[in-house]
PDB file of N, CA and C in Angstrom:
ATOM      1  N   MET A   1     -10.258 114.004  89.887  1.00  0.00           N
ATOM      2  CA  MET A   1      -9.378 113.031  89.809  1.00  0.00           C
ATOM      3  C   MET A   1      -9.918 111.922  88.831  1.00  0.00           C
ATOM      4  N   SER A   2      -9.525 111.296  87.671  1.00  0.00           N
ATOM      5  CA  SER A   2      -9.814 109.728  86.615  1.00  0.00           C
ATOM      6  C   SER A   2     -10.264 108.965  87.377  1.00  0.00           C
ATOM      7  N   SER A   3     -11.098 108.344  86.484  1.00  0.00           N
ATOM      8  CA  SER A   3     -11.486 106.522  86.901  1.00  0.00           C
ATOM      9  C   SER A   3     -10.759 105.761  86.497  1.00  0.00           C
ATOM     10  N   LYS A   4     -10.304 104.709  87.247  1.00  0.00           N
ATOM     11  CA  LYS A   4      -9.355 103.575  86.379  1.00  0.00           C
ATOM     12  C   LYS A   4      -9.826 103.329  85.230  1.00  0.00           C
ATOM     13  N   THR A   5      -8.736 103.055  84.437  1.00  0.00           N
ATOM     14  CA  THR A   5      -9.302 102.171  83.166  1.00  0.00           C
ATOM     15  C   THR A   5      -8.326 101.546  82.818  1.00  0.00           C
ATOM     16  N   TYR A   6      -7.720 100.501  83.482  1.00  0.00           N
ATOM     17  CA  TYR A   6      -7.096  99.955  83.455  1.00  0.00           C
ATOM     18  C   TYR A   6      -7.726  98.427  84.141  1.00  0.00           C
ATOM     19  N   SER A   7      -7.492  97.205  83.724  1.00  0.00           N
ATOM     20  CA  SER A   7      -7.465  95.888  84.626  1.00  0.00           C
ATOM     21  C   SER A   7      -6.971  95.730  85.849  1.00  0.00           C
ATOM     22  N   ALA A   8      -6.890  94.569  86.442  1.00  0.00           N
ATOM     23  CA  ALA A   8      -6.028  94.276  87.776  1.00  0.00           C
ATOM     24  C   ALA A   8      -5.323  93.506  86.700  1.00  0.00           C
ATOM     25  N   ASP A   9      -5.172  92.522  85.733  1.00  0.00           N
ATOM     26  CA  ASP A   9      -4.416  91.894  85.027  1.00  0.00           C
ATOM     27  C   ASP A   9      -3.394  92.876  84.394  1.00  0.00           C
ATOM     28  N   VAL A  10      -3.942  94.129  83.808  1.00  0.00           N
ATOM     29  CA  VAL A  10      -3.103  95.273  83.357  1.00  0.00           C
ATOM     30  C   VAL A  10      -2.190  95.256  84.132  1.00  0.00           C
ATOM     31  N   LEU A  11      -2.703  95.986  85.946  1.00  0.00           N
ATOM     32  CA  LEU A  11      -1.309  96.176  86.533  1.00  0.00           C
ATOM     33  C   LEU A  11      -0.559  95.136  87.054  1.00  0.00           C
ATOM     34  N   THR A  12      -1.363  93.991  87.386  1.00  0.00           N
ATOM     35  CA  THR A  12      -0.134  92.803  87.320  1.00  0.00           C
ATOM     36  C   THR A  12       1.526  92.822  86.407  1.00  0.00           C
ATOM     37  N   ALA A  13       0.802  93.131  84.974  1.00  0.00           N
ATOM     38  CA  ALA A  13       1.889  92.912  84.041  1.00  0.00           C
ATOM     39  C   ALA A  13       2.702  94.112  83.937  1.00  0.00           C
ATOM     40  N   ALA A  14       2.436  95.077  84.205  1.00  0.00           N
ATOM     41  CA  ALA A  14       3.177  96.141  84.575  1.00  0.00           C
ATOM     42  C   ALA A  14       3.891  96.445  85.247  1.00  0.00           C
ATOM     43  N   VAL A  15       3.727  96.131  86.853  1.00  0.00           N
ATOM     44  CA  VAL A  15       4.054  95.515  87.931  1.00  0.00           C
ATOM     45  C   VAL A  15       5.408  94.447  87.224  1.00  0.00           C
ATOM     46  N   ALA A  16       5.047  93.635  87.105  1.00  0.00           N
ATOM     47  CA  ALA A  16       6.036  92.395  86.495  1.00  0.00           C
ATOM     48  C   ALA A  16       6.827  92.853  85.619  1.00  0.00           C
ATOM     49  N   SER A  17       6.334  93.290  84.269  1.00  0.00           N
ATOM     50  CA  SER A  17       7.737  94.007  83.733  1.00  0.00           C
ATOM     51  C   SER A  17       8.815  95.329  84.315  1.00  0.00           C
ATOM     52  N   MET A  18       8.202  95.982  84.861  1.00  0.00           N
ATOM     53  CA  MET A  18       9.390  96.955  86.078  1.00  0.00           C
ATOM     54  C   MET A  18      10.091  95.816  87.183  1.00  0.00           C
ATOM     55  N   LYS A  19       9.492  94.936  87.420  1.00  0.00           N
ATOM     56  CA  LYS A  19      10.275  94.339  88.225  1.00  0.00           C
ATOM     57  C   LYS A  19      11.641  93.178  87.539  1.00  0.00           C
ATOM     58  N   ARG A  20      11.200  93.221  86.167  1.00  0.00           N
ATOM     59  CA  ARG A  20      12.091  92.388  85.692  1.00  0.00           C
ATOM     60  C   ARG A  20      12.902  93.024  85.066  1.00  0.00           C
ATOM     61  N   ARG A  21      12.615  94.711  84.969  1.00  0.00           N
ATOM     62  CA  ARG A  21      13.647  95.786  84.145  1.00  0.00           C
ATOM     63  C   ARG A  21      13.582  95.957  82.769  1.00  0.00           C
ATOM     64  N   GLU A  22      12.409  95.346  82.379  1.00  0.00           N
ATOM     65  CA  GLU A  22      11.694  95.400  80.967  1.00  0.00           C
ATOM     66  C   GLU A  22      11.326  96.636  80.503  1.00  0.00           C
ATOM     67  N   PHE A  23      10.552  97.469  81.874  1.00  0.00           N
ATOM     68  CA  PHE A  23      10.293  99.159  81.384  1.00  0.00           C
ATOM     69  C   PHE A  23      10.792  99.940  82.888  1.00  0.00           C
ATOM     70  N   SER A  24      10.938 101.003  82.705  1.00  0.00           N
ATOM     71  CA  SER A  24      11.310 101.943  83.583  1.00  0.00           C
ATOM     72  C   SER A  24       9.333 102.248  84.098  1.00  0.00           C
ATOM     73  N   MET A  25       9.217 103.062  84.855  1.00  0.00           N
ATOM     74  CA  MET A  25       7.873 103.508  85.323  1.00  0.00           C
ATOM     75  C   MET A  25       7.723 104.309  84.949  1.00  0.00           C
ATOM     76  N   HIS A  26       7.990 105.501  83.786  1.00  0.00           N
ATOM     77  CA  HIS A  26       7.760 106.098  83.135  1.00  0.00           C
ATOM     78  C   HIS A  26       7.030 105.223  81.755  1.00  0.00           C
ATOM     79  N   ALA A  27       7.920 104.370  81.227  1.00  0.00           N
ATOM     80  CA  ALA A  27       7.640 103.845  80.343  1.00  0.00           C
ATOM     81  C   ALA A  27       6.781 102.607  80.502  1.00  0.00           C
ATOM     82  N   ALA A  28       6.480 102.181  81.487  1.00  0.00           N
ATOM     83  CA  ALA A  28       5.727 101.440  81.914  1.00  0.00           C
ATOM     84  C   ALA A  28       3.898 101.662  82.227  1.00  0.00           C
ATOM     85  N   THR A  29       4.081 103.197  82.331  1.00  0.00           N
ATOM     86  CA  THR A  29       2.990 103.910  82.130  1.00  0.00           C
ATOM     87  C   THR A  29       2.332 104.117  81.006  1.00  0.00           C
ATOM     88  N   ARG A  30       3.123 104.791  80.283  1.00  0.00           N
ATOM     89  CA  ARG A  30       2.869 104.796  78.779  1.00  0.00           C
ATOM     90  C   ARG A  30       2.514 103.667  78.260  1.00  0.00           C
ATOM     91  N   GLU A  31       3.106 102.632  78.729  1.00  0.00           N
ATOM     92  CA  GLU A  31       3.028 101.092  77.547  1.00  0.00           C
ATOM     93  C   GLU A  31       1.257 100.644  77.890  1.00  0.00           C
ATOM     94  N   TYR A  32       1.180 100.796  79.545  1.00  0.00           N
ATOM     95  CA  TYR A  32       0.410 100.109  80.259  1.00  0.00           C
ATOM     96  C   TYR A  32      -1.241 100.872  80.496  1.00  0.00           C
ATOM     97  N   GLY A  33      -0.949 102.544  80.687  1.00  0.00           N
ATOM     98  CA  GLY A  33      -1.535 103.135  80.985  1.00  0.00           C
ATOM     99  C   GLY A  33      -1.708 103.117  82.465  1.00  0.00           C
ATOM    100  N   VAL A  34      -1.464 102.638  83.314  1.00  0.00           N
ATOM    101  CA  VAL A  34      -1.371 102.603  84.555  1.00  0.00           C
ATOM    102  C   VAL A  34      -0.818 103.960  85.351  1.00  0.00           C
ATOM    103  N   PRO A  35      -1.488 104.853  86.430  1.00  0.00           N
ATOM    104  CA  PRO A  35      -0.487 105.974  86.743  1.00  0.00           C
ATOM    105  C   PRO A  35       0.788 105.568  87.254  1.00  0.00           C
ATOM    106  N   GLN A  36       1.741 106.400  87.513  1.00  0.00           N
ATOM    107  CA  GLN A  36       2.909 106.206  87.956  1.00  0.00           C
ATOM    108  C   GLN A  36       2.869 106.028  89.681  1.00  0.00           C
ATOM    109  N   SER A  37       1.798 106.542  90.249  1.00  0.00           N
ATOM    110  CA  SER A  37       1.687 106.851  91.629  1.00  0.00           C
ATOM    111  C   SER A  37       1.272 104.986  92.260  1.00  0.00           C
ATOM    112  N   THR A  38       0.562 104.410  91.317  1.00  0.00           N
ATOM    113  CA  THR A  38       0.095 103.467  91.573  1.00  0.00           C
ATOM    114  C   THR A  38       1.169 101.941  91.235  1.00  0.00           C
ATOM    115  N   LEU A  39       1.670 102.385  90.005  1.00  0.00           N
ATOM    116  CA  LEU A  39       2.851 101.384  90.251  1.00  0.00           C
ATOM    117  C   LEU A  39       3.802 101.145  91.191  1.00  0.00           C
ATOM    118  N   LYS A  40       4.115 102.612  91.497  1.00  0.00           N
ATOM    119  CA  LYS A  40       5.086 103.162  92.555  1.00  0.00           C
ATOM    120  C   LYS A  40       4.600 102.065  93.807  1.00  0.00           C
ATOM    121  N   ASP A  41       3.419 102.475  94.085  1.00  0.00           N
ATOM    122  CA  ASP A  41       2.668 101.932  95.242  1.00  0.00           C
ATOM    123  C   ASP A  41       3.070 100.224  95.248  1.00  0.00           C
ATOM    124  N   HIS A  42       2.656  99.731  93.739  1.00  0.00           N
ATOM    125  CA  HIS A  42       2.733  98.062  93.746  1.00  0.00           C
ATOM    126  C   HIS A  42       4.128  97.537  94.318  1.00  0.00           C
ATOM    127  N   VAL A  43       5.089  98.427  93.210  1.00  0.00           N
ATOM    128  CA  VAL A  43       6.315  97.504  93.507  1.00  0.00           C
ATOM    129  C   VAL A  43       6.766  97.888  94.792  1.00  0.00           C
ATOM    130  N   ALA A  44       6.500  98.824  95.343  1.00  0.00           N
ATOM    131  CA  ALA A  44       6.814  99.124  96.929  1.00  0.00           C
ATOM    132  C   ALA A  44       6.319  98.302  97.643  1.00  0.00           C
ATOM    133  N   GLY A  45       5.186  97.427  97.335  1.00  0.00           N
ATOM    134  CA  GLY A  45       4.489  96.305  98.402  1.00  0.00           C
ATOM    135  C   GLY A  45       2.911  97.085  99.333  1.00  0.00           C
ATOM    136  N   ARG A  46       2.833  98.371  98.783  1.00  0.00           N
ATOM    137  CA  ARG A  46       2.108  99.009  99.475  1.00  0.00           C
ATOM    138  C   ARG A  46       0.593  98.701  98.564  1.00  0.00           C
ATOM    139  N   GLN A  47      -0.618  98.930  99.472  1.00  0.00           N
ATOM    140  CA  GLN A  47      -2.031  99.060  98.725  1.00  0.00           C
ATOM    141  C   GLN A  47      -1.953  97.195  97.812  1.00  0.00           C
ATOM    142  N   LEU A  48      -1.775  96.537  98.531  1.00  0.00           N
ATOM    143  CA  LEU A  48      -2.053  95.300  97.774  1.00  0.00           C
ATOM    144  C   LEU A  48      -3.264  94.691  97.868  1.00  0.00           C
ATOM    145  N   GLU A  49      -4.273  95.240  99.017  1.00  0.00           N
ATOM    146  CA  GLU A  49      -5.309  94.769  99.136  1.00  0.00           C
ATOM    147  C   GLU A  49      -6.655  95.528  98.450  1.00  0.00           C
ATOM    148  N   PRO A  50      -7.140  95.569  97.948  1.00  0.00           N
ATOM    149  CA  PRO A  50      -8.214  96.767  97.446  1.00  0.00           C
ATOM    150  C   PRO A  50      -9.040  97.414  98.371  1.00  0.00           C
ATOM    151  N   ILE A  51      -8.921  98.540  98.103  1.00  0.00           N
ATOM    152  CA  ILE A  51      -9.690  99.632  99.070  1.00  0.00           C
ATOM    153  C   ILE A  51     -11.224  99.880  99.099  1.00  0.00           C
ATOM    154  N   GLY A  52     -11.779  99.883 100.349  1.00  0.00           N
ATOM    155  CA  GLY A  52     -12.952 100.126  99.986  1.00  0.00           C
ATOM    156  C   GLY A  52     -13.907  99.040 100.210  1.00  0.00           C
ATOM    157  N   ARG A  53     -15.406  98.823 100.263  1.00  0.00           N
ATOM    158  CA  ARG A  53     -15.889  97.391 101.179  1.00  0.00           C
ATOM    159  C   ARG A  53     -16.259  96.623 100.196  1.00  0.00           C
ATOM    160  N   GLY A  54     -16.523  95.739 100.389  1.00  0.00           N
ATOM    161  CA  GLY A  54     -16.785  94.565  99.655  1.00  0.00           C
ATOM    162  C   GLY A  54     -18.289  94.520  98.948  1.00  0.00           C
ATOM    163  N   ALA A  55     -18.677  93.770  97.485  1.00  0.00           N
ATOM    164  CA  ALA A  55     -19.987  93.753  97.256  1.00  0.00           C
ATOM    165  C   ALA A  55     -21.013  93.433  98.039  1.00  0.00           C
ATOM    166  N   ASP A  56     -21.878  94.065  97.676  1.00  0.00           N
ATOM    167  CA  ASP A  56     -23.187  93.770  98.704  1.00  0.00           C
ATOM    168  C   ASP A  56     -24.027  92.699  98.115  1.00  0.00           C
ATOM    169  N   LEU A  57     -23.875  92.312  96.768  1.00  0.00           N
ATOM    170  CA  LEU A  57     -24.714  90.998  95.899  1.00  0.00           C
ATOM    171  C   LEU A  57     -23.999  90.255  95.600  1.00  0.00           C
ATOM    172  N   THR A  58     -24.315  88.940  95.984  1.00  0.00           N
ATOM    173  CA  THR A  58     -23.506  88.226  95.298  1.00  0.00           C
ATOM    174  C   THR A  58     -23.703  88.098  93.943  1.00  0.00           C
ATOM    175  N   PRO A  59     -22.752  87.567  92.882  1.00  0.00           N
ATOM    176  CA  PRO A  59     -22.975  87.398  91.588  1.00  0.00           C
ATOM    177  C   PRO A  59     -24.149  86.685  91.049  1.00  0.00           C
ATOM    178  N   GLU A  60     -24.793  85.923  91.591  1.00  0.00           N
ATOM    179  CA  GLU A  60     -26.801  85.434  91.124  1.00  0.00           C
ATOM    180  C   GLU A  60     -27.530  86.612  91.474  1.00  0.00           C
ATOM    181  N   GLN A  61     -27.260  87.310  92.569  1.00  0.00           N
ATOM    182  CA  GLN A  61     -27.862  88.544  92.891  1.00  0.00           C
ATOM    183  C   GLN A  61     -28.161  89.608  91.870  1.00  0.00           C
ATOM    184  N   GLU A  62     -27.101  89.639  91.533  1.00  0.00           N
ATOM    185  CA  GLU A  62     -26.453  91.026  90.346  1.00  0.00           C
ATOM    186  C   GLU A  62     -26.658  90.246  89.001  1.00  0.00           C
ATOM    187  N   THR A  63     -27.353  89.384  88.663  1.00  0.00           N
ATOM    188  CA  THR A  63     -27.657  88.747  87.539  1.00  0.00           C
ATOM    189  C   THR A  63     -29.328  88.955  87.577  1.00  0.00           C
ATOM    190  N   PHE A  64     -29.709  88.527  88.651  1.00  0.00           N
ATOM    191  CA  PHE A  64     -31.242  88.640  88.855  1.00  0.00           C
ATOM    192  C   PHE A  64     -31.425  90.215  88.948  1.00  0.00           C
ATOM    193  N   LEU A  65     -30.757  91.111  89.694  1.00  0.00           N
ATOM    194  CA  LEU A  65     -31.118  92.337  89.513  1.00  0.00           C
ATOM    195  C   LEU A  65     -31.214  93.424  87.875  1.00  0.00           C
ATOM    196  N   VAL A  66     -30.243  92.401  87.113  1.00  0.00           N
ATOM    197  CA  VAL A  66     -29.574  93.374  85.963  1.00  0.00           C
ATOM    198  C   VAL A  66     -31.200  92.826  85.010  1.00  0.00           C
ATOM    199  N   ALA A  67     -31.618  91.413  85.415  1.00  0.00           N
ATOM    200  CA  ALA A  67     -32.517  90.955  84.359  1.00  0.00           C
ATOM    201  C   ALA A  67     -33.558  91.641  84.630  1.00  0.00           C
ATOM    202  N   TYR A  68     -34.051  92.045  85.998  1.00  0.00           N
ATOM    203  CA  TYR A  68     -34.988  92.480  86.606  1.00  0.00           C
ATOM    204  C   TYR A  68     -35.190  93.921  85.536  1.00  0.00           C
ATOM    205  N   ARG A  69     -33.860  94.659  85.600  1.00  0.00           N
ATOM    206  CA  ARG A  69     -33.662  95.866  85.015  1.00  0.00           C
ATOM    207  C   ARG A  69     -34.124  95.991  83.420  1.00  0.00           C
ATOM    208  N   ASN A  70     -33.708  94.809  82.965  1.00  0.00           N
ATOM    209  CA  ASN A  70     -33.749  94.797  81.880  1.00  0.00           C
ATOM    210  C   ASN A  70     -35.203  94.366  81.387  1.00  0.00           C
ATOM    211  N   HIS A  71     -35.907  93.602  82.349  1.00  0.00           N
ATOM    212  CA  HIS A  71     -37.459  93.588  81.968  1.00  0.00           C
ATOM    213  C   HIS A  71     -38.250  94.701  82.362  1.00  0.00           C
ATOM    214  N   MET A  72     -37.902  95.620  82.906  1.00  0.00           N
ATOM    215  CA  MET A  72     -38.366  96.525  83.324  1.00  0.00           C
ATOM    216  C   MET A  72     -38.704  97.535  81.884  1.00  0.00           C
ATOM    217  N   VAL A  73     -37.338  98.001  81.785  1.00  0.00           N
ATOM    218  CA  VAL A  73     -37.309  98.803  80.340  1.00  0.00           C
ATOM    219  C   VAL A  73     -38.145  97.962  79.362  1.00  0.00           C
ATOM    220  N   SER A  74     -38.116  96.583  78.882  1.00  0.00           N
ATOM    221  CA  SER A  74     -38.532  96.462  77.799  1.00  0.00           C
ATOM    222  C   SER A  74     -40.596  96.574  78.093  1.00  0.00           C
ATOM    223  N   VAL A  75     -40.625  96.617  79.058  1.00  0.00           N
ATOM    224  CA  VAL A  75     -41.865  96.865  78.988  1.00  0.00           C
ATOM    225  C   VAL A  75     -42.595  97.880  79.169  1.00  0.00           C
ATOM    226  N   CYS A  76     -41.141  99.469  79.053  1.00  0.00           N
ATOM    227  CA  CYS A  76     -41.525 100.525  79.102  1.00  0.00           C
ATOM    228  C   CYS A  76     -41.952 101.439  80.648  1.00  0.00           C
ATOM    229  N   ILE A  77     -41.140 100.794  81.206  1.00  0.00           N
ATOM    230  CA  ILE A  77     -41.073 100.915  83.118  1.00  0.00           C
ATOM    231  C   ILE A  77     -39.902 101.664  83.457  1.00  0.00           C
ATOM    232  N   PRO A  78     -39.743 102.837  83.271  1.00  0.00           N
ATOM    233  CA  PRO A  78     -38.250 103.626  83.564  1.00  0.00           C
ATOM    234  C   PRO A  78     -37.361 103.053  85.029  1.00  0.00           C
ATOM    235  N   ALA A  79     -36.229 102.578  84.676  1.00  0.00           N
ATOM    236  CA  ALA A  79     -35.655 101.656  86.117  1.00  0.00           C
ATOM    237  C   ALA A  79     -34.889 102.890  86.534  1.00  0.00           C
ATOM    238  N   THR A  80     -35.767 103.547  87.362  1.00  0.00           N
ATOM    239  CA  THR A  80     -34.766 105.027  88.190  1.00  0.00           C
ATOM    240  C   THR A  80     -33.879 104.091  89.063  1.00  0.00           C
ATOM    241  N   ARG A  81     -33.438 105.160  89.561  1.00  0.00           N
ATOM    242  CA  ARG A  81     -32.488 104.764  90.853  1.00  0.00           C
ATOM    243  C   ARG A  81     -33.001 104.233  91.930  1.00  0.00           C
ATOM    244  N   TRP A  82     -34.252 105.014  92.220  1.00  0.00           N
ATOM    245  CA  TRP A  82     -35.217 104.812  93.694  1.00  0.00           C
ATOM    246  C   TRP A  82     -35.904 103.477  93.404  1.00  0.00           C
ATOM    247  N   LEU A  83     -36.283 102.681  92.009  1.00  0.00           N
ATOM    248  CA  LEU A  83     -36.673 101.613  92.179  1.00  0.00           C
ATOM    249  C   LEU A  83     -35.822 100.540  91.823  1.00  0.00           C
ATOM    250  N   ILE A  84     -34.450 100.807  91.514  1.00  0.00           N
ATOM    251  CA  ILE A  84     -33.740  99.356  91.407  1.00  0.00           C
ATOM    252  C   ILE A  84     -33.059  99.605  93.340  1.00  0.00           C
ATOM    253  N   LYS A  85     -32.708 100.448  93.763  1.00  0.00           N
ATOM    254  CA  LYS A  85     -32.395 100.327  94.984  1.00  0.00           C
ATOM    255  C   LYS A  85     -33.714 100.020  96.043  1.00  0.00           C
ATOM    256  N   GLN A  86     -35.153 100.168  95.587  1.00  0.00           N
ATOM    257  CA  GLN A  86     -35.955  99.717  96.326  1.00  0.00           C
ATOM    258  C   GLN A  86     -35.953  97.842  96.342  1.00  0.00           C
ATOM    259  N   LYS A  87     -35.175  97.152  94.677  1.00  0.00           N
ATOM    260  CA  LYS A  87     -35.437  95.701  94.648  1.00  0.00           C
ATOM    261  C   LYS A  87     -34.595  95.475  95.188  1.00  0.00           C
ATOM    262  N   VAL A  88     -33.007  96.526  95.158  1.00  0.00           N
ATOM    263  CA  VAL A  88     -31.833  95.496  95.873  1.00  0.00           C
ATOM    264  C   VAL A  88     -32.003  95.511  97.626  1.00  0.00           C
ATOM    265  N   ASN A  89     -32.783  96.751  98.427  1.00  0.00           N
ATOM    266  CA  ASN A  89     -33.350  96.388  99.459  1.00  0.00           C
ATOM    267  C   ASN A  89     -33.896  95.000  99.675  1.00  0.00           C
ATOM    268  N   MET A  90     -34.876  94.817  98.582  1.00  0.00           N
ATOM    269  CA  MET A  90     -35.889  93.369  98.850  1.00  0.00           C
ATOM    270  C   MET A  90     -34.806  92.481  98.846  1.00  0.00           C
ATOM    271  N   ILE A  91     -34.057  92.111  98.000  1.00  0.00           N
ATOM    272  CA  ILE A  91     -33.149  90.913  97.621  1.00  0.00           C
ATOM    273  C   ILE A  91     -32.386  91.067  98.746  1.00  0.00           C
ATOM    274  N   VAL A  92     -31.666  92.052  99.829  1.00  0.00           N
ATOM    275  CA  VAL A  92     -30.522  91.632 100.440  1.00  0.00           C
ATOM    276  C   VAL A  92     -31.751  91.500 101.375  1.00  0.00           C
ATOM    277  N   ASN A  93     -32.901  91.908 102.324  1.00  0.00           N
ATOM    278  CA  ASN A  93     -33.695  91.826 103.018  1.00  0.00           C
ATOM    279  C   ASN A  93     -34.174  90.305 103.112  1.00  0.00           C
ATOM    280  N   SER A  94     -34.218  89.767 101.821  1.00  0.00           N
ATOM    281  CA  SER A  94     -34.772  88.406 101.614  1.00  0.00           C
ATOM    282  C   SER A  94     -33.951  87.377 102.019  1.00  0.00           C
ATOM    283  N   CYS A  95     -32.579  87.486 101.602  1.00  0.00           N
ATOM    284  CA  CYS A  95     -31.689  86.757 101.678  1.00  0.00           C
ATOM    285  C   CYS A  95     -30.593  87.165 102.940  1.00  0.00           C
ATOM    286  N   GLY A  96     -31.072  87.987 103.883  1.00  0.00           N
ATOM    287  CA  GLY A  96     -29.968  88.305 105.052  1.00  0.00           C
ATOM    288  C   GLY A  96     -28.760  88.834 104.584  1.00  0.00           C
ATOM    289  N   THR A  97     -28.383  89.417 103.195  1.00  0.00           N
ATOM    290  CA  THR A  97     -27.051  89.397 102.779  1.00  0.00           C
ATOM    291  C   THR A  97     -27.213  90.842 103.491  1.00  0.00           C
ATOM    292  N   TYR A  98     -25.653  91.566 103.850  1.00  0.00           N
ATOM    293  CA  TYR A  98     -25.297  93.053 103.918  1.00  0.00           C
ATOM    294  C   TYR A  98     -24.797  93.494 105.394  1.00  0.00           C
TER     295      TYR A  98
END
Protein backbone atom coordinates (compact mmCIF):
# COMPACT_ATOMS: atom_id res chain seq x y z
CA MET A 1 0.00 0.00 0.00
CA SER A 2 1.51 3.33 -1.01
CA SER A 3 1.44 6.45 1.09
CA LYS A 4 -0.64 9.50 0.29
CA THR A 5 1.16 11.90 -2.06
CA TYR A 6 -1.55 14.54 -2.57
CA SER A 7 -2.91 17.31 -0.38
CA ALA A 8 -6.48 17.88 0.79
CA ASP A 9 -6.64 20.84 -1.62
CA VAL A 10 -5.70 18.61 -4.55
CA LEU A 11 -8.33 16.06 -3.52
CA THR A 12 -10.96 18.81 -3.28
CA ALA A 13 -10.00 20.14 -6.71
CA ALA A 14 -10.13 16.66 -8.25
CA VAL A 15 -13.58 15.94 -6.80
CA ALA A 16 -14.87 19.36 -7.87
CA SER A 17 -13.59 18.86 -11.43
CA MET A 18 -15.38 15.52 -11.61
CA LYS A 19 -18.62 17.00 -10.27
CA ARG A 20 -18.39 19.75 -12.91
CA ARG A 21 -17.83 16.97 -15.47
CA GLU A 22 -14.50 18.47 -16.56
CA PHE A 23 -12.74 15.13 -15.99
CA SER A 24 -13.76 11.50 -15.88
CA MET A 25 -12.60 9.52 -12.87
CA HIS A 26 -9.72 8.02 -14.85
CA ALA A 27 -8.66 11.43 -16.22
CA ALA A 28 -8.88 13.06 -12.77
CA THR A 29 -6.68 10.29 -11.36
CA ARG A 30 -4.04 10.98 -14.00
CA GLU A 31 -4.31 14.78 -13.71
CA TYR A 32 -4.34 15.11 -9.92
CA GLY A 33 -2.61 11.92 -8.77
CA VAL A 34 -5.46 10.88 -6.48
CA PRO A 35 -6.37 7.17 -6.47
CA GLN A 36 -9.62 6.21 -8.22
CA SER A 37 -10.97 4.52 -5.09
CA THR A 38 -10.46 7.72 -3.08
CA LEU A 39 -12.17 9.81 -5.75
CA LYS A 40 -15.04 7.34 -5.93
CA ASP A 41 -15.53 7.50 -2.14
CA HIS A 42 -15.50 11.28 -2.04
CA VAL A 43 -17.78 11.75 -5.04
CA ALA A 44 -20.24 9.31 -3.46
CA GLY A 45 -20.07 11.21 -0.15
CA ARG A 46 -18.30 8.49 1.80
CA GLN A 47 -15.25 9.07 3.98
CA LEU A 48 -15.82 12.78 4.50
CA GLU A 49 -14.17 12.79 7.91
CA PRO A 50 -10.50 11.90 8.34
CA ILE A 51 -9.86 8.41 9.65
CA GLY A 52 -7.57 7.86 12.59
CA ARG A 53 -6.92 9.62 15.82
CA GLY A 54 -6.34 13.32 16.19
CA ALA A 55 -3.07 15.03 16.97
CA ASP A 56 -1.66 14.46 20.43
CA LEU A 57 0.30 17.71 20.50
CA THR A 58 -0.79 21.25 19.82
CA PRO A 59 1.01 23.15 17.04
CA GLU A 60 2.95 25.07 19.73
CA GLN A 61 4.02 21.83 21.40
CA GLU A 62 5.12 20.41 18.05
CA THR A 63 7.14 23.56 17.35
CA PHE A 64 8.81 23.19 20.76
CA LEU A 65 9.57 19.53 20.05
CA VAL A 66 11.12 20.36 16.67
CA ALA A 67 13.28 23.07 18.27
CA TYR A 68 14.36 20.58 20.96
CA ARG A 69 15.25 17.99 18.33
CA ASN A 70 17.20 20.55 16.28
CA HIS A 71 19.09 21.65 19.41
CA MET A 72 19.99 18.05 20.26
CA VAL A 73 21.33 17.48 16.76
CA SER A 74 23.29 20.77 16.84
CA VAL A 75 25.13 19.68 20.01
CA CYS A 76 25.84 16.23 18.52
CA ILE A 77 23.41 14.29 20.71
CA PRO A 78 21.52 11.79 18.58
CA ALA A 79 17.79 12.47 18.61
CA THR A 80 16.78 8.84 19.02
CA ARG A 81 13.20 7.62 18.93
CA TRP A 82 13.41 6.83 22.65
CA LEU A 83 14.66 10.33 23.51
CA ILE A 84 11.95 12.03 21.43
CA LYS A 85 9.24 9.82 22.97
CA GLN A 86 10.50 10.76 26.45
CA LYS A 87 10.27 14.45 25.57
CA VAL A 88 6.75 14.00 24.13
CA ASN A 89 5.68 12.24 27.34
CA MET A 90 7.15 15.09 29.39
CA ILE A 91 5.27 17.69 27.29
CA VAL A 92 1.99 15.77 27.47
CA ASN A 93 2.25 15.11 31.20
CA SER A 94 3.09 18.72 32.01
CA CYS A 95 0.16 20.09 29.98
CA GLY A 96 -2.42 17.44 30.78
CA THR A 97 -3.03 16.73 27.09
CA TYR A 98 -3.62 13.23 25.68
